[in-house]
């Protein structure tokens, strides 16, 4: 459950205005995007980096573009990420990936909540092989000179593979292959999603750093207020690695990939267009009211971070290996350069 029975309290106390983020008693809104703007226009580039590249990160097909063909505001307070078949693309597909310029570190002594309200396209599951929508957090060091993935840390809050009636959450860390997080699979769990995500749902991750020691801290993932994945410091059992998961500077990513090891390759039946896309109503970051690390969100799209003391370390066994060992470029994220 959420601290303070938050799983029950948040849905009840949320005050939702049309196409705006909810407000929660006891929590300050630190940062948000509600994707307001003219129909067909680009997402706000003050807040987001719009990707333009093909990298074959995971055996996937898509070339990401910043074109409004792939990334566009609906004019109704949402953003749409749309994959398309495109014969001129490297592997025959284009799609969209947007990464927040905003970064944050979950505050020690506080509860950090991040969430998004999302639905995916309404094409039947048999027409979604290879389609891979996702909402996730990635350690910001990956795009700023290293450590790169998976040592930078990654939290997958929402992934749907090939139109399955399941939503996955995962934690990635340490080294690839193997390591504490069992890469490249990660520490993963799933929850049933009867409509395949075609209706509106809220995906949420909660970082609880209110505990006296790091081993008691946790990262918990929810779908519509129902917990389906939780990882604690005790489970990781390595303070340096845990910090890359729960006490690390991260940024938001929204994307729709096509193909790859998990969803498999698209086939002749795979739809393109919005039926295979993803639509997002808002993305938001909250902290418990009065937390020492942030002030409530105002006009500054980067938020207003303040100094916050680190938690007191608890003696832990010496790590069995260097937490950031030299490693070959990962097939998942092959280069340490900004992208």
Protein backbone atom coordinates (compact mmCIF):
# COMPACT_ATOMS: atom_id res chain seq x y z
CA UNK A 1 0.00 0.00 0.00
CA UNK A 2 0.95 3.63 -0.33
CA UNK A 3 2.22 5.25 2.85
CA UNK A 4 -0.67 6.77 4.82
CA UNK A 5 -3.01 4.43 2.88
CA UNK A 6 -2.29 6.53 -0.17
CA UNK A 7 -3.62 3.83 -2.49
CA UNK A 8 -7.08 4.60 -1.15
CA UNK A 9 -6.65 8.27 -0.35
CA UNK A 10 -5.26 9.54 -3.65
CA UNK A 11 -8.19 8.55 -5.90
CA UNK A 12 -10.71 9.88 -3.37
CA UNK A 13 -9.02 13.20 -2.69
CA UNK A 14 -7.97 13.98 -6.22
CA UNK A 15 -9.48 17.18 -7.54
CA UNK A 16 -9.46 16.96 -11.32
CA UNK A 17 -10.17 19.89 -13.57
CA UNK A 18 -10.74 19.25 -17.26
CA UNK A 19 -7.50 17.94 -18.73
CA UNK A 20 -5.45 18.99 -15.70
CA UNK A 21 -3.39 17.05 -13.22
CA UNK A 22 -5.03 15.95 -9.97
CA UNK A 23 -4.10 17.54 -6.65
CA UNK A 24 -3.56 15.36 -3.59
CA UNK A 25 -3.87 16.30 0.07
CA UNK A 26 -0.45 16.28 1.70
CA UNK A 27 1.45 16.54 -1.58
CA UNK A 28 2.90 19.45 -3.54
CA UNK A 29 2.87 19.41 -7.32
CA UNK A 30 6.48 19.99 -8.32
CA UNK A 31 6.34 19.65 -12.11
CA UNK A 32 3.75 18.80 -14.74
CA UNK A 33 2.90 18.86 -18.39
CA UNK A 34 -0.76 18.83 -19.43
CA UNK A 35 0.02 19.01 -23.15
CA UNK A 36 -2.05 22.08 -23.91
CA UNK A 37 -1.65 23.58 -27.35
CA UNK A 38 -2.93 23.78 -30.88
CA UNK A 39 -4.04 20.59 -32.59
CA UNK A 40 -1.24 19.12 -34.69
CA UNK A 41 1.51 21.18 -33.06
CA UNK A 42 4.65 19.80 -31.43
CA UNK A 43 4.99 19.09 -27.71
CA UNK A 44 6.57 21.90 -25.67
CA UNK A 45 10.28 21.89 -26.48
CA UNK A 46 10.97 23.99 -23.40
CA UNK A 47 10.01 20.92 -21.41
CA UNK A 48 10.92 18.05 -23.75
CA UNK A 49 13.69 16.85 -26.00
CA UNK A 50 12.13 15.27 -29.10
CA UNK A 51 14.33 12.50 -30.41
CA UNK A 52 15.62 12.31 -33.98
CA UNK A 53 17.62 9.12 -34.40
CA UNK A 54 17.81 5.45 -35.25
CA UNK A 55 19.99 3.35 -32.93
CA UNK A 56 18.69 -0.24 -32.91
CA UNK A 57 18.85 -0.17 -29.12
CA UNK A 58 17.07 -3.46 -28.54
CA UNK A 59 16.58 -4.99 -31.96
CA UNK A 60 13.80 -2.47 -32.58
CA UNK A 61 12.74 -1.13 -35.98
CA UNK A 62 11.68 2.49 -35.49
CA UNK A 63 13.50 5.63 -36.44
CA UNK A 64 12.48 8.28 -33.91
CA UNK A 65 11.60 11.65 -35.39
CA UNK A 66 10.53 15.01 -34.00
CA UNK A 67 8.01 15.40 -36.81
CA UNK A 68 4.42 16.17 -35.90
CA UNK A 69 3.65 13.09 -37.98
CA UNK A 70 4.97 11.09 -34.99
CA UNK A 71 4.63 13.50 -32.04
CA UNK A 72 1.66 15.86 -31.92
CA UNK A 73 -0.68 17.65 -29.56
CA UNK A 74 -4.34 16.76 -29.96
CA UNK A 75 -5.66 20.24 -29.21
CA UNK A 76 -7.67 18.65 -26.38
CA UNK A 77 -5.01 18.53 -23.68
CA UNK A 78 -3.15 15.38 -24.74
CA UNK A 79 -0.07 14.38 -26.68
CA UNK A 80 -0.11 11.58 -29.24
CA UNK A 81 2.84 9.35 -30.08
CA UNK A 82 2.18 7.67 -33.42
CA UNK A 83 4.19 4.94 -35.18
CA UNK A 84 4.02 4.78 -38.97
CA UNK A 85 5.25 2.42 -41.65
CA UNK A 86 7.68 4.40 -43.76
CA UNK A 87 9.56 2.82 -46.65
CA UNK A 88 12.33 5.43 -46.51
CA UNK A 89 13.10 4.76 -42.82
CA UNK A 90 16.08 2.54 -41.95
CA UNK A 91 13.91 -0.45 -41.00
CA UNK A 92 10.59 0.65 -42.42
CA UNK A 93 9.07 2.39 -39.38
CA UNK A 94 9.09 5.82 -37.73
CA UNK A 95 7.79 6.71 -34.27
CA UNK A 96 8.14 9.22 -31.44
CA UNK A 97 10.16 9.42 -28.25
CA UNK A 98 10.17 12.42 -25.93
CA UNK A 99 12.52 12.88 -22.97
CA UNK A 100 11.95 15.53 -20.32
CA UNK A 101 14.51 18.28 -19.91
CA UNK A 102 13.26 18.33 -16.35
CA UNK A 103 15.26 16.13 -13.99
CA UNK A 104 14.76 15.32 -10.33
CA UNK A 105 16.13 13.19 -7.51
CA UNK A 106 13.64 11.59 -5.08
CA UNK A 107 14.09 13.57 -1.88
CA UNK A 108 15.46 11.92 1.27
CA UNK A 109 12.95 12.12 4.09
CA UNK A 110 10.02 12.45 1.68
CA UNK A 111 7.65 10.47 -0.49
CA UNK A 112 8.01 11.17 -4.20
CA UNK A 113 5.15 10.34 -6.57
CA UNK A 114 5.38 10.36 -10.36
CA UNK A 115 2.44 9.48 -12.56
CA UNK A 116 0.89 9.73 -15.99
CA UNK A 117 -2.58 9.17 -17.39
CA UNK A 118 -2.33 7.16 -20.59
CA UNK A 119 -4.28 5.17 -23.12
CA UNK A 120 -3.04 3.22 -26.11
CA UNK A 121 -4.49 2.87 -29.58
CA UNK A 122 -7.60 0.79 -30.21
CA UNK A 123 -6.29 -1.61 -32.84
CA UNK A 124 -6.98 -5.27 -31.94
CA UNK A 125 -4.16 -7.17 -30.24
CA UNK A 126 -3.67 -9.34 -33.33
CA UNK A 127 -2.77 -6.13 -35.17
CA UNK A 128 -0.23 -4.93 -32.60
CA UNK A 129 2.61 -7.43 -32.84
CA UNK A 130 5.82 -5.50 -32.23
CA UNK A 131 4.14 -2.39 -30.79
CA UNK A 132 5.75 -1.32 -27.50
CA UNK A 133 4.40 1.80 -25.72
CA UNK A 134 6.18 2.84 -22.54
CA UNK A 135 6.35 5.40 -19.71
CA UNK A 136 9.59 5.29 -17.73
CA UNK A 137 12.39 7.00 -15.83
CA UNK A 138 16.04 6.81 -16.86
CA UNK A 139 19.09 7.83 -14.87
CA UNK A 140 20.17 11.19 -16.27
CA UNK A 141 23.84 10.22 -16.28
CA UNK A 142 23.14 8.06 -19.32
CA UNK A 143 22.78 11.14 -21.51
CA UNK A 144 25.44 13.15 -19.68
CA UNK A 145 28.64 11.16 -19.94
CA UNK A 146 27.89 8.05 -17.86
CA UNK A 147 27.46 5.77 -16.09
CA UNK A 148 25.35 4.44 -18.95
CA UNK A 149 22.62 1.81 -18.88
CA UNK A 150 22.06 -0.20 -16.80
CA UNK A 151 24.43 1.31 -14.22
CA UNK A 152 22.56 4.63 -14.52
CA UNK A 153 19.34 2.99 -13.26
CA UNK A 154 15.97 2.70 -14.98
CA UNK A 155 12.41 2.38 -13.70
CA UNK A 156 9.80 1.17 -16.18
CA UNK A 157 6.41 2.27 -14.89
CA UNK A 158 4.33 1.15 -17.87
CA UNK A 159 5.18 -1.17 -20.75
CA UNK A 160 2.71 -3.06 -22.93
CA UNK A 161 4.04 -5.60 -25.40
CA UNK A 162 2.24 -6.39 -28.66
CA UNK A 163 -1.22 -5.47 -27.38
CA UNK A 164 -1.16 -7.97 -24.50
CA UNK A 165 -3.68 -7.65 -21.69
CA UNK A 166 -0.80 -7.09 -19.28
CA UNK A 167 1.11 -4.04 -18.08
CA UNK A 168 4.70 -4.52 -16.96
CA UNK A 169 6.86 -2.63 -14.50
CA UNK A 170 10.58 -3.22 -14.10
CA UNK A 171 13.72 -2.04 -12.33
CA UNK A 172 17.04 -2.06 -14.18
CA UNK A 173 20.43 -1.53 -12.53
CA UNK A 174 24.04 -2.59 -12.05
CA UNK A 175 25.55 -4.36 -15.08
CA UNK A 176 24.59 -6.21 -18.24
CA UNK A 177 24.38 -9.16 -18.51
CA UNK A 178 23.38 -10.45 -15.10
CA UNK A 179 24.13 -8.38 -12.03
CA UNK A 180 21.85 -7.53 -9.15
CA UNK A 181 18.93 -6.66 -11.45
CA UNK A 182 19.28 -9.77 -13.65
CA UNK A 183 19.91 -7.89 -16.87
CA UNK A 184 18.87 -7.53 -19.46
CA UNK A 185 15.48 -8.68 -18.12
CA UNK A 186 15.50 -6.54 -15.00
CA UNK A 187 13.41 -7.11 -11.88
CA UNK A 188 9.99 -7.26 -13.51
CA UNK A 189 6.36 -7.83 -12.57
CA UNK A 190 3.07 -7.52 -14.46
CA UNK A 191 -0.61 -6.87 -13.79
CA UNK A 192 -3.69 -7.76 -15.78
CA UNK A 193 -5.05 -5.08 -18.09
CA UNK A 194 -8.30 -6.38 -19.51
CA UNK A 195 -8.77 -3.65 -22.10
CA UNK A 196 -5.13 -3.82 -23.17
CA UNK A 197 -4.75 -0.17 -22.12
CA UNK A 198 -7.26 1.17 -24.66
CA UNK A 199 -9.15 3.03 -21.94
CA UNK A 200 -7.63 5.76 -19.77
CA UNK A 201 -5.49 4.48 -16.91
CA UNK A 202 -3.14 6.04 -14.37
CA UNK A 203 0.32 4.57 -13.93
CA UNK A 204 2.28 5.68 -10.87
CA UNK A 205 5.63 5.09 -9.18
CA UNK A 206 6.16 5.97 -5.51
CA UNK A 207 9.59 6.43 -3.94
CA UNK A 208 9.43 6.14 -0.15
CA UNK A 209 12.55 7.66 1.35
CA UNK A 210 11.04 8.41 4.76
CA UNK A 211 12.60 5.36 6.40
CA UNK A 212 15.54 5.59 8.82
CA UNK A 213 17.82 3.42 6.68
CA UNK A 214 18.26 2.81 2.97
CA UNK A 215 17.46 -0.90 3.29
CA UNK A 216 13.89 0.05 4.32
CA UNK A 217 13.33 2.42 1.41
CA UNK A 218 11.19 1.28 -1.50
CA UNK A 219 10.04 1.94 -5.04
CA UNK A 220 6.47 0.81 -5.72
CA UNK A 221 4.58 0.78 -9.01
CA UNK A 222 0.79 1.06 -9.31
CA UNK A 223 -1.87 0.78 -11.99
CA UNK A 224 -5.05 2.69 -11.16
CA UNK A 225 -4.11 2.67 -7.47
CA UNK A 226 -3.40 -1.07 -7.35
CA UNK A 227 0.13 -2.04 -6.37
CA UNK A 228 1.74 -4.60 -8.65
CA UNK A 229 5.48 -4.21 -8.13
CA UNK A 230 7.68 -3.24 -5.19
CA UNK A 231 11.44 -3.30 -4.78
CA UNK A 232 13.19 -2.42 -1.51
CA UNK A 233 16.73 -1.54 -0.59
CA UNK A 234 16.90 -4.81 1.32
CA UNK A 235 16.12 -6.76 -1.85
CA UNK A 236 18.90 -4.99 -3.77
CA UNK A 237 21.23 -5.43 -0.76
CA UNK A 238 23.85 -3.02 -2.07
CA UNK A 239 23.71 0.63 -1.05
CA UNK A 240 25.61 1.99 -4.05
CA UNK A 241 23.33 0.18 -6.49
CA UNK A 242 20.21 1.14 -4.53
CA UNK A 243 21.12 4.81 -4.84
CA UNK A 244 21.08 4.48 -8.65
CA UNK A 245 17.48 3.28 -8.36
CA UNK A 246 15.93 5.38 -5.59
CA UNK A 247 18.30 8.29 -4.92
CA UNK A 248 19.39 9.18 -8.42
CA UNK A 249 18.81 12.06 -10.81
CA UNK A 250 16.31 10.86 -13.45
CA UNK A 251 14.23 12.15 -16.36
CA UNK A 252 10.89 11.09 -17.85
CA UNK A 253 10.58 9.22 -21.15
CA UNK A 254 7.43 8.59 -23.22
CA UNK A 255 7.80 6.54 -26.38
CA UNK A 256 6.36 3.91 -28.69
CA UNK A 257 8.97 1.46 -29.95
CA UNK A 258 8.37 -1.04 -32.74
CA UNK A 259 9.90 -4.49 -32.60
CA UNK A 260 12.68 -5.76 -30.36
CA UNK A 261 13.42 -8.72 -28.14
CA UNK A 262 10.32 -8.38 -25.96
CA UNK A 263 7.45 -7.55 -28.33
CA UNK A 264 9.02 -9.40 -31.30
CA UNK A 265 9.10 -8.05 -34.81
CA UNK A 266 6.06 -6.43 -36.42
CA UNK A 267 4.41 -8.52 -39.10
CA UNK A 268 2.18 -7.92 -42.11
CA UNK A 269 -0.85 -7.61 -39.83
CA UNK A 270 0.68 -4.94 -37.59
CA UNK A 271 -1.21 -1.66 -37.80
CA UNK A 272 0.44 1.72 -37.92
CA UNK A 273 -1.14 5.07 -37.09
CA UNK A 274 -2.99 6.06 -33.95
CA UNK A 275 -4.53 2.61 -33.60
CA UNK A 276 -1.03 1.48 -32.65
CA UNK A 277 -0.07 4.69 -30.86
CA UNK A 278 -0.18 6.09 -27.34
CA UNK A 279 -1.96 9.16 -25.97
CA UNK A 280 -0.96 10.89 -22.73
CA UNK A 281 -3.11 13.35 -20.81
CA UNK A 282 -0.55 14.49 -18.25
CA UNK A 283 2.76 13.67 -16.60
CA UNK A 284 3.36 14.90 -13.05
CA UNK A 285 5.84 14.83 -10.19
CA UNK A 286 4.73 15.31 -6.56
CA UNK A 287 6.52 15.44 -3.20
CA UNK A 288 5.08 15.27 0.29
CA UNK A 289 4.18 18.78 1.45
CA UNK A 290 7.08 20.58 3.03
CA UNK A 291 9.70 18.11 1.84
CA UNK A 292 13.17 19.64 2.06
CA UNK A 293 14.16 19.05 -1.55
CA UNK A 294 11.60 21.03 -3.56
CA UNK A 295 9.26 23.97 -3.57
CA UNK A 296 5.83 23.71 -5.23
CA UNK A 297 5.83 23.97 -9.01
CA UNK A 298 5.44 27.46 -10.42
CA UNK A 299 6.40 29.08 -13.71
CA UNK A 300 9.82 27.42 -13.88
CA UNK A 301 9.55 24.30 -16.07
CA UNK A 302 12.64 22.90 -14.39
CA UNK A 303 11.09 23.02 -10.91
CA UNK A 304 12.80 24.65 -7.92
CA UNK A 305 15.23 22.22 -6.30
CA UNK A 306 16.76 23.10 -2.96
CA UNK A 307 19.50 21.49 -0.93
CA UNK A 308 18.41 18.41 0.99
CA UNK A 309 20.60 16.39 3.38
CA UNK A 310 21.32 12.79 2.46
CA UNK A 311 19.98 10.02 4.65
CA UNK A 312 22.33 8.46 7.17
CA UNK A 313 24.07 5.48 5.65
CA UNK A 314 23.76 2.13 7.34
CA UNK A 315 26.88 -0.04 7.30
CA UNK A 316 26.54 -2.62 4.57
CA UNK A 317 28.68 -5.49 3.33
CA UNK A 318 31.37 -4.51 0.88
CA UNK A 319 30.00 -4.82 -2.66
CA UNK A 320 31.26 -7.94 -4.41
CA UNK A 321 32.30 -5.85 -7.41
CA UNK A 322 32.78 -2.29 -8.56
CA UNK A 323 29.26 -0.81 -8.86
CA UNK A 324 30.32 0.93 -12.07
CA UNK A 325 32.67 -1.57 -13.74
CA UNK A 326 34.09 -0.81 -17.16
CA UNK A 327 31.82 -2.50 -19.68
CA UNK A 328 31.29 -2.80 -23.36
CA UNK A 329 28.52 -0.62 -24.81
CA UNK A 330 25.18 -2.22 -24.02
CA UNK A 331 23.06 -3.56 -26.88
CA UNK A 332 20.17 -1.77 -25.16
CA UNK A 333 21.86 1.62 -24.83
CA UNK A 334 25.05 1.27 -26.84
CA UNK A 335 26.60 4.74 -26.51
CA UNK A 336 27.34 7.06 -23.57
CA UNK A 337 26.95 10.20 -25.67
CA UNK A 338 23.86 12.42 -25.24
CA UNK A 339 21.08 11.33 -27.58
